[in-house]
């Protein structure tokens, strides 16, 4: 969703909920484990 620019239309928390996560912390932890970056860092580098 971030690659498609969804973060420009909705918050990262909204994207996390839409992806099935129940909390921002859990989403951030899982995202960082996979990418090595937090969602915010990823958006800053790739956004």
C-alpha atoms as a PDB file:
ATOM      1  CA  UNK A   1       0.000   0.000   0.000  1.00  0.00           C
ATOM      2  CA  UNK A   2       2.869   2.353   0.740  1.00  0.00           C
ATOM      3  CA  UNK A   3       4.445   1.629  -2.638  1.00  0.00           C
ATOM      4  CA  UNK A   4       1.146   2.647  -4.253  1.00  0.00           C
ATOM      5  CA  UNK A   5       1.162   5.988  -2.393  1.00  0.00           C
ATOM      6  CA  UNK A   6      -1.675   5.180   0.006  1.00  0.00           C
ATOM      7  CA  UNK A   7       0.120   7.110   2.765  1.00  0.00           C
ATOM      8  CA  UNK A   8      -0.714  10.285   0.853  1.00  0.00           C
ATOM      9  CA  UNK A   9      -4.443   9.512   1.147  1.00  0.00           C
ATOM     10  CA  UNK A  10      -4.647   8.141   4.687  1.00  0.00           C
ATOM     11  CA  UNK A  11      -2.590   7.875   7.868  1.00  0.00           C
ATOM     12  CA  UNK A  12      -0.102   5.114   8.552  1.00  0.00           C
ATOM     13  CA  UNK A  13      -2.391   3.992  11.373  1.00  0.00           C
ATOM     14  CA  UNK A  14      -5.278   3.715   8.911  1.00  0.00           C
ATOM     15  CA  UNK A  15      -3.113   1.600   6.625  1.00  0.00           C
ATOM     16  CA  UNK A  16      -2.095  -0.583   9.582  1.00  0.00           C
ATOM     17  CA  UNK A  17      -5.747  -1.187  10.501  1.00  0.00           C
ATOM     18  CA  UNK A  18      -6.662  -1.895   6.895  1.00  0.00           C
ATOM     19  CA  UNK A  19      -3.879  -4.502   6.749  1.00  0.00           C
ATOM     20  CA  UNK A  20      -5.332  -6.274   9.785  1.00  0.00           C
ATOM     21  CA  UNK A  21      -3.171  -4.919  12.595  1.00  0.00           C
ATOM     22  CA  UNK A  22      -4.908  -3.928  15.830  1.00  0.00           C
ATOM     23  CA  UNK A  23      -2.277  -1.460  17.016  1.00  0.00           C
ATOM     24  CA  UNK A  24       0.276   0.910  15.578  1.00  0.00           C
ATOM     25  CA  UNK A  25       3.062  -0.585  17.724  1.00  0.00           C
ATOM     26  CA  UNK A  26       2.473  -4.088  16.381  1.00  0.00           C
ATOM     27  CA  UNK A  27       2.390  -2.784  12.808  1.00  0.00           C
ATOM     28  CA  UNK A  28       5.607  -0.791  13.309  1.00  0.00           C
ATOM     29  CA  UNK A  29       7.379  -3.794  14.855  1.00  0.00           C
ATOM     30  CA  UNK A  30       6.353  -6.139  12.027  1.00  0.00           C
ATOM     31  CA  UNK A  31       7.169  -3.555   9.346  1.00  0.00           C
ATOM     32  CA  UNK A  32      10.629  -2.903  10.783  1.00  0.00           C
ATOM     33  CA  UNK A  33      11.333  -6.641  11.063  1.00  0.00           C
ATOM     34  CA  UNK A  34      10.635  -7.076   7.341  1.00  0.00           C
ATOM     35  CA  UNK A  35      12.118  -3.855   5.923  1.00  0.00           C
ATOM     36  CA  UNK A  36      14.670  -2.785   8.519  1.00  0.00           C
ATOM     37  CA  UNK A  37      12.941   0.612   8.694  1.00  0.00           C
ATOM     38  CA  UNK A  38       9.967   2.033  10.529  1.00  0.00           C
ATOM     39  CA  UNK A  39       7.014   2.938   8.293  1.00  0.00           C
ATOM     40  CA  UNK A  40       7.801   6.639   8.750  1.00  0.00           C
ATOM     41  CA  UNK A  41      11.465   6.124   7.809  1.00  0.00           C
ATOM     42  CA  UNK A  42      10.404   4.085   4.773  1.00  0.00           C
ATOM     43  CA  UNK A  43       8.052   6.830   3.592  1.00  0.00           C
ATOM     44  CA  UNK A  44      10.754   9.472   4.043  1.00  0.00           C
ATOM     45  CA  UNK A  45      13.193   7.444   1.910  1.00  0.00           C
ATOM     46  CA  UNK A  46      10.740   6.146  -0.683  1.00  0.00           C
ATOM     47  CA  UNK A  47       7.780   8.490  -0.510  1.00  0.00           C
END
